[in-house]
Amino acid sequence: MTFLGGLLRAGTSISRPAAALLQTVKTFSSGTCYQSRLPPIRQPKVVDRWTEKRSMFGVYDNIGILGDFKAHPKDLIRAPCWLKAFKGNELQRLIRKKRMVGDRMMTLDRHNLEKRIHFLYRRFNRTGKHR
């Protein structure tokens, strides 16, 4: 119906160009889906398998077997004393640091540490699953 109406309207004005005649005609679908572009296949990441962390993974696993259980792996780790064999959140870590080396810290460092502890203490008590 719109096709015939468009032709009649286009035929009444002879001065109308052919492009206007094509615009009035309704386009019909050919039944095919729109083919969208797929993203290109990504290349695999180049990973360095021999970084220090990866190369030392599991290095202390058989100390107990080969060393007659005399040394624990946590004793062989080189780290600050408040971090050795520690598992916890930032607030617990900073409290532990203050307890262990707080008296030997510089004034500004100790002040910043106490500010951070105060901030985290308020934050953990106001929000989260610790309330």
N, C-alpha and C. Protein backbone atom coordinates (compact mmCIF):
# COMPACT_ATOMS: atom_id res chain seq x y z
N MET A 1 0.82 -1.18 0.00
CA MET A 1 0.00 0.00 0.00
C MET A 1 0.87 1.25 0.00
N THR A 2 1.87 1.28 0.86
CA THR A 2 2.74 2.46 0.90
C THR A 2 3.58 2.56 -0.37
N PHE A 3 3.88 1.41 -0.96
CA PHE A 3 4.64 1.40 -2.19
C PHE A 3 3.86 2.10 -3.31
N LEU A 4 2.57 1.75 -3.45
CA LEU A 4 1.74 2.37 -4.49
C LEU A 4 1.50 3.83 -4.20
N GLY A 5 1.28 4.14 -2.91
CA GLY A 5 1.07 5.54 -2.55
C GLY A 5 2.29 6.38 -2.85
N GLY A 6 3.45 5.81 -2.61
CA GLY A 6 4.69 6.53 -2.89
C GLY A 6 4.87 6.76 -4.38
N LEU A 7 4.51 5.75 -5.19
CA LEU A 7 4.63 5.92 -6.63
C LEU A 7 3.65 6.96 -7.15
N LEU A 8 2.44 6.97 -6.63
CA LEU A 8 1.45 7.94 -7.07
C LEU A 8 1.87 9.35 -6.70
N ARG A 9 2.39 9.49 -5.44
CA ARG A 9 2.84 10.81 -5.03
C ARG A 9 4.04 11.26 -5.86
N ALA A 10 4.91 10.33 -6.17
CA ALA A 10 6.09 10.68 -6.95
C ALA A 10 5.71 10.97 -8.39
N GLY A 11 4.70 10.31 -8.89
CA GLY A 11 4.28 10.54 -10.27
C GLY A 11 3.55 11.85 -10.45
N THR A 12 2.95 12.39 -9.38
CA THR A 12 2.21 13.65 -9.51
C THR A 12 3.14 14.82 -9.70
N SER A 13 4.28 14.79 -9.14
CA SER A 13 5.21 15.89 -9.36
C SER A 13 6.31 15.40 -10.29
N ILE A 14 6.33 15.91 -11.46
CA ILE A 14 7.27 15.47 -12.49
C ILE A 14 8.65 16.05 -12.22
N SER A 15 8.72 17.16 -11.54
CA SER A 15 10.02 17.79 -11.29
C SER A 15 10.81 17.09 -10.19
N ARG A 16 10.24 16.10 -9.52
CA ARG A 16 10.93 15.39 -8.43
C ARG A 16 12.01 14.47 -9.01
N PRO A 17 13.23 14.46 -8.42
CA PRO A 17 14.29 13.60 -8.95
C PRO A 17 14.04 12.13 -8.61
N ALA A 18 14.82 11.25 -9.24
CA ALA A 18 14.66 9.81 -9.06
C ALA A 18 15.06 9.38 -7.65
N ALA A 19 15.96 10.11 -6.99
CA ALA A 19 16.37 9.76 -5.63
C ALA A 19 15.21 9.89 -4.65
N ALA A 20 14.37 10.88 -4.88
CA ALA A 20 13.20 11.06 -4.01
C ALA A 20 12.23 9.90 -4.20
N LEU A 21 12.13 9.38 -5.43
CA LEU A 21 11.27 8.23 -5.68
C LEU A 21 11.77 7.00 -4.92
N LEU A 22 13.09 6.83 -4.88
CA LEU A 22 13.65 5.68 -4.16
C LEU A 22 13.48 5.81 -2.65
N GLN A 23 13.47 7.03 -2.12
CA GLN A 23 13.31 7.22 -0.69
C GLN A 23 11.89 6.91 -0.24
N THR A 24 10.93 7.09 -1.10
CA THR A 24 9.56 6.84 -0.70
C THR A 24 9.22 5.36 -0.71
N VAL A 25 10.00 4.56 -1.39
CA VAL A 25 9.73 3.13 -1.46
C VAL A 25 10.24 2.48 -0.18
N LYS A 26 9.42 1.62 0.43
CA LYS A 26 9.81 0.92 1.65
C LYS A 26 10.79 -0.18 1.31
N THR A 27 11.86 -0.28 2.07
CA THR A 27 12.85 -1.32 1.81
C THR A 27 12.37 -2.62 2.44
N PHE A 28 12.63 -3.73 1.76
CA PHE A 28 12.25 -5.04 2.27
C PHE A 28 13.50 -5.79 2.68
N SER A 29 13.37 -6.59 3.72
CA SER A 29 14.50 -7.36 4.21
C SER A 29 14.69 -8.59 3.34
N SER A 30 15.92 -8.95 3.09
CA SER A 30 16.21 -10.15 2.31
C SER A 30 16.22 -11.40 3.18
N GLY A 31 16.03 -11.23 4.50
CA GLY A 31 15.97 -12.37 5.40
C GLY A 31 17.32 -12.78 5.96
N THR A 32 18.38 -12.09 5.62
CA THR A 32 19.69 -12.44 6.17
C THR A 32 19.96 -11.58 7.40
N CYS A 33 20.71 -12.12 8.32
CA CYS A 33 21.05 -11.41 9.55
C CYS A 33 22.18 -10.42 9.27
N TYR A 34 22.25 -9.43 10.13
CA TYR A 34 23.34 -8.47 10.06
C TYR A 34 24.62 -9.16 10.52
N GLN A 35 25.64 -9.12 9.71
CA GLN A 35 26.89 -9.77 10.07
C GLN A 35 27.80 -8.76 10.76
N SER A 36 27.93 -8.95 12.05
CA SER A 36 28.79 -8.04 12.80
C SER A 36 30.23 -8.55 12.75
N ARG A 37 31.13 -7.64 12.93
CA ARG A 37 32.54 -8.01 12.91
C ARG A 37 32.93 -8.61 14.25
N LEU A 38 33.61 -9.71 14.22
CA LEU A 38 34.11 -10.32 15.43
C LEU A 38 35.47 -9.73 15.76
N PRO A 39 35.77 -9.58 17.05
CA PRO A 39 37.10 -9.06 17.38
C PRO A 39 38.17 -10.06 16.96
N PRO A 40 39.33 -9.56 16.61
CA PRO A 40 40.39 -10.49 16.18
C PRO A 40 40.82 -11.40 17.31
N ILE A 41 41.32 -12.55 16.97
CA ILE A 41 41.79 -13.50 17.97
C ILE A 41 43.08 -12.95 18.59
N ARG A 42 43.09 -12.90 19.91
CA ARG A 42 44.25 -12.33 20.59
C ARG A 42 45.41 -13.31 20.59
N GLN A 43 46.58 -12.75 20.48
CA GLN A 43 47.79 -13.55 20.56
C GLN A 43 48.04 -13.89 22.02
N PRO A 44 48.56 -15.07 22.32
CA PRO A 44 48.84 -15.41 23.71
C PRO A 44 49.92 -14.49 24.30
N LYS A 45 49.78 -14.22 25.60
CA LYS A 45 50.73 -13.35 26.28
C LYS A 45 52.10 -14.01 26.38
N VAL A 46 53.11 -13.22 26.21
CA VAL A 46 54.47 -13.73 26.38
C VAL A 46 54.80 -13.62 27.86
N VAL A 47 54.99 -14.75 28.53
CA VAL A 47 55.22 -14.78 29.97
C VAL A 47 56.63 -15.29 30.24
N ASP A 48 57.34 -14.57 31.07
CA ASP A 48 58.68 -15.00 31.46
C ASP A 48 58.54 -16.05 32.56
N ARG A 49 58.84 -17.28 32.25
CA ARG A 49 58.65 -18.38 33.20
C ARG A 49 59.77 -18.45 34.24
N TRP A 50 60.82 -17.67 34.06
CA TRP A 50 61.94 -17.75 34.99
C TRP A 50 62.14 -16.46 35.76
N THR A 51 61.05 -15.80 36.15
CA THR A 51 61.19 -14.66 37.04
C THR A 51 61.63 -15.18 38.40
N GLU A 52 62.08 -14.28 39.26
CA GLU A 52 62.59 -14.72 40.56
C GLU A 52 61.50 -15.40 41.38
N LYS A 53 60.30 -14.85 41.32
CA LYS A 53 59.20 -15.43 42.10
C LYS A 53 58.85 -16.83 41.61
N ARG A 54 58.78 -17.00 40.28
CA ARG A 54 58.42 -18.32 39.73
C ARG A 54 59.53 -19.33 39.92
N SER A 55 60.77 -18.88 39.80
CA SER A 55 61.87 -19.83 39.90
C SER A 55 62.08 -20.31 41.33
N MET A 56 61.70 -19.50 42.31
CA MET A 56 61.88 -19.88 43.70
C MET A 56 60.65 -20.55 44.29
N PHE A 57 59.62 -20.77 43.48
CA PHE A 57 58.39 -21.39 43.99
C PHE A 57 58.66 -22.84 44.40
N GLY A 58 58.34 -23.18 45.63
CA GLY A 58 58.50 -24.55 46.11
C GLY A 58 59.91 -24.92 46.48
N VAL A 59 60.81 -23.93 46.59
CA VAL A 59 62.21 -24.24 46.84
C VAL A 59 62.42 -24.76 48.27
N TYR A 60 61.54 -24.37 49.20
CA TYR A 60 61.71 -24.80 50.59
C TYR A 60 60.81 -25.99 50.95
N ASP A 61 60.21 -26.62 49.97
CA ASP A 61 59.25 -27.69 50.25
C ASP A 61 59.90 -28.92 50.88
N ASN A 62 61.09 -29.28 50.47
CA ASN A 62 61.67 -30.52 50.99
C ASN A 62 62.79 -30.27 51.99
N ILE A 63 62.76 -29.15 52.68
CA ILE A 63 63.75 -28.92 53.74
C ILE A 63 63.50 -29.90 54.87
N GLY A 64 62.24 -30.13 55.18
CA GLY A 64 61.92 -31.08 56.24
C GLY A 64 62.35 -32.49 55.90
N ILE A 65 62.21 -32.86 54.63
CA ILE A 65 62.56 -34.22 54.22
C ILE A 65 64.07 -34.38 54.17
N LEU A 66 64.75 -33.43 53.53
CA LEU A 66 66.20 -33.56 53.35
C LEU A 66 67.00 -33.05 54.55
N GLY A 67 66.43 -32.10 55.29
CA GLY A 67 67.19 -31.49 56.38
C GLY A 67 66.85 -32.05 57.73
N ASP A 68 66.18 -33.15 57.81
CA ASP A 68 65.85 -33.83 59.06
C ASP A 68 65.01 -32.93 59.97
N PHE A 69 64.16 -32.08 59.36
CA PHE A 69 63.20 -31.23 60.07
C PHE A 69 63.86 -30.31 61.10
N LYS A 70 65.09 -29.87 60.84
CA LYS A 70 65.78 -28.98 61.78
C LYS A 70 65.44 -27.51 61.52
N ALA A 71 65.16 -27.16 60.28
CA ALA A 71 64.86 -25.77 59.95
C ALA A 71 63.48 -25.67 59.32
N HIS A 72 62.77 -24.65 59.70
CA HIS A 72 61.45 -24.38 59.11
C HIS A 72 61.63 -23.36 58.00
N PRO A 73 60.87 -23.48 56.92
CA PRO A 73 61.02 -22.52 55.82
C PRO A 73 60.87 -21.07 56.25
N LYS A 74 60.03 -20.79 57.25
CA LYS A 74 59.86 -19.39 57.67
C LYS A 74 61.13 -18.84 58.32
N ASP A 75 62.00 -19.72 58.81
CA ASP A 75 63.27 -19.26 59.38
C ASP A 75 64.28 -18.87 58.30
N LEU A 76 64.11 -19.38 57.10
CA LEU A 76 65.04 -19.11 56.01
C LEU A 76 64.65 -17.89 55.17
N ILE A 77 63.45 -17.36 55.40
CA ILE A 77 62.98 -16.21 54.63
C ILE A 77 63.69 -14.95 55.11
N ARG A 78 64.18 -14.17 54.17
CA ARG A 78 64.83 -12.90 54.50
C ARG A 78 63.80 -11.80 54.35
N ALA A 79 63.35 -11.24 55.47
CA ALA A 79 62.33 -10.19 55.46
C ALA A 79 62.40 -9.45 56.80
N PRO A 80 61.74 -8.31 56.90
CA PRO A 80 61.67 -7.63 58.20
C PRO A 80 61.01 -8.53 59.24
N CYS A 81 61.37 -8.35 60.49
CA CYS A 81 60.91 -9.26 61.54
C CYS A 81 59.39 -9.23 61.72
N TRP A 82 58.75 -8.09 61.48
CA TRP A 82 57.30 -8.02 61.68
C TRP A 82 56.52 -8.65 60.52
N LEU A 83 57.23 -9.00 59.44
CA LEU A 83 56.55 -9.61 58.30
C LEU A 83 56.76 -11.12 58.21
N LYS A 84 57.73 -11.65 58.91
CA LYS A 84 58.01 -13.09 58.80
C LYS A 84 56.85 -13.90 59.35
N ALA A 85 56.38 -14.83 58.54
CA ALA A 85 55.30 -15.76 58.92
C ALA A 85 54.07 -15.02 59.41
N PHE A 86 53.77 -13.85 58.82
CA PHE A 86 52.61 -13.06 59.23
C PHE A 86 51.49 -13.23 58.21
N LYS A 87 50.28 -13.35 58.72
CA LYS A 87 49.11 -13.44 57.86
C LYS A 87 48.02 -12.58 58.50
N GLY A 88 47.60 -11.55 57.80
CA GLY A 88 46.57 -10.67 58.34
C GLY A 88 46.37 -9.47 57.45
N ASN A 89 45.52 -8.55 57.89
CA ASN A 89 45.24 -7.36 57.09
C ASN A 89 46.24 -6.24 57.40
N GLU A 90 46.03 -5.10 56.77
CA GLU A 90 46.99 -4.00 56.90
C GLU A 90 47.03 -3.45 58.32
N LEU A 91 45.89 -3.35 58.96
CA LEU A 91 45.85 -2.83 60.33
C LEU A 91 46.63 -3.74 61.27
N GLN A 92 46.42 -5.02 61.17
CA GLN A 92 47.14 -5.96 62.02
C GLN A 92 48.64 -5.92 61.76
N ARG A 93 49.01 -5.75 60.50
CA ARG A 93 50.43 -5.68 60.14
C ARG A 93 51.08 -4.43 60.73
N LEU A 94 50.37 -3.29 60.65
CA LEU A 94 50.95 -2.05 61.18
C LEU A 94 51.02 -2.06 62.70
N ILE A 95 50.04 -2.65 63.36
CA ILE A 95 50.10 -2.77 64.82
C ILE A 95 51.27 -3.65 65.23
N ARG A 96 51.48 -4.71 64.49
CA ARG A 96 52.60 -5.61 64.76
C ARG A 96 53.94 -4.89 64.56
N LYS A 97 54.01 -4.07 63.50
CA LYS A 97 55.24 -3.31 63.23
C LYS A 97 55.50 -2.31 64.35
N LYS A 98 54.44 -1.63 64.80
CA LYS A 98 54.60 -0.65 65.86
C LYS A 98 55.06 -1.32 67.16
N ARG A 99 54.53 -2.50 67.44
CA ARG A 99 54.89 -3.22 68.65
C ARG A 99 56.33 -3.71 68.60
N MET A 100 56.80 -4.10 67.42
CA MET A 100 58.14 -4.70 67.32
C MET A 100 59.25 -3.67 67.14
N VAL A 101 59.03 -2.68 66.29
CA VAL A 101 60.12 -1.73 66.02
C VAL A 101 59.72 -0.27 66.24
N GLY A 102 58.58 -0.03 66.87
CA GLY A 102 58.09 1.34 67.06
C GLY A 102 59.02 2.22 67.86
N ASP A 103 59.70 1.67 68.86
CA ASP A 103 60.58 2.48 69.70
C ASP A 103 61.86 2.86 68.98
N ARG A 104 62.20 2.17 67.91
CA ARG A 104 63.43 2.48 67.16
C ARG A 104 63.18 3.31 65.91
N MET A 105 61.91 3.66 65.64
CA MET A 105 61.57 4.39 64.42
C MET A 105 61.86 5.88 64.57
N MET A 106 62.05 6.54 63.43
CA MET A 106 62.21 7.98 63.42
C MET A 106 60.87 8.64 63.78
N THR A 107 60.92 9.86 64.24
CA THR A 107 59.72 10.54 64.75
C THR A 107 58.64 10.67 63.67
N LEU A 108 59.03 11.12 62.48
CA LEU A 108 58.05 11.32 61.41
C LEU A 108 57.47 9.99 60.93
N ASP A 109 58.32 8.98 60.81
CA ASP A 109 57.83 7.67 60.38
C ASP A 109 56.85 7.08 61.39
N ARG A 110 57.17 7.23 62.67
CA ARG A 110 56.27 6.72 63.71
C ARG A 110 54.95 7.48 63.71
N HIS A 111 55.03 8.79 63.50
CA HIS A 111 53.81 9.61 63.45
C HIS A 111 52.92 9.18 62.28
N ASN A 112 53.53 8.98 61.10
CA ASN A 112 52.75 8.53 59.94
C ASN A 112 52.16 7.13 60.17
N LEU A 113 52.91 6.27 60.83
CA LEU A 113 52.42 4.93 61.15
C LEU A 113 51.21 5.00 62.08
N GLU A 114 51.29 5.83 63.10
CA GLU A 114 50.17 5.97 64.03
C GLU A 114 48.95 6.60 63.37
N LYS A 115 49.18 7.55 62.44
CA LYS A 115 48.06 8.12 61.70
C LYS A 115 47.35 7.06 60.87
N ARG A 116 48.14 6.23 60.21
CA ARG A 116 47.55 5.17 59.37
C ARG A 116 46.80 4.15 60.23
N ILE A 117 47.36 3.80 61.38
CA ILE A 117 46.68 2.87 62.29
C ILE A 117 45.36 3.47 62.76
N HIS A 118 45.38 4.74 63.11
CA HIS A 118 44.15 5.42 63.57
C HIS A 118 43.09 5.43 62.47
N PHE A 119 43.50 5.74 61.25
CA PHE A 119 42.56 5.76 60.12
C PHE A 119 41.97 4.38 59.88
N LEU A 120 42.82 3.36 59.82
CA LEU A 120 42.34 2.00 59.56
C LEU A 120 41.48 1.48 60.70
N TYR A 121 41.80 1.85 61.94
CA TYR A 121 41.00 1.42 63.08
C TYR A 121 39.58 1.96 62.97
N ARG A 122 39.47 3.25 62.63
CA ARG A 122 38.13 3.84 62.46
C ARG A 122 37.40 3.21 61.29
N ARG A 123 38.12 2.97 60.19
CA ARG A 123 37.49 2.41 59.00
C ARG A 123 36.98 1.00 59.24
N PHE A 124 37.79 0.17 59.89
CA PHE A 124 37.37 -1.21 60.14
C PHE A 124 36.22 -1.28 61.13
N ASN A 125 36.15 -0.32 62.07
CA ASN A 125 35.07 -0.34 63.05
C ASN A 125 33.77 0.24 62.51
N ARG A 126 33.85 1.05 61.46
CA ARG A 126 32.63 1.64 60.91
C ARG A 126 32.02 0.82 59.79
N THR A 127 32.83 0.14 59.03
CA THR A 127 32.31 -0.59 57.88
C THR A 127 32.85 -2.00 57.86
N GLY A 128 32.24 -2.84 57.05
CA GLY A 128 32.78 -4.17 56.81
C GLY A 128 32.18 -5.22 57.70
N LYS A 129 32.68 -6.42 57.55
CA LYS A 129 32.15 -7.56 58.29
C LYS A 129 32.70 -7.66 59.71
N HIS A 130 33.59 -6.74 60.10
CA HIS A 130 34.22 -6.81 61.41
C HIS A 130 33.36 -6.16 62.48
N ARG A 131 32.27 -5.46 62.08
CA ARG A 131 31.45 -4.73 63.06
C ARG A 131 30.71 -5.68 63.97
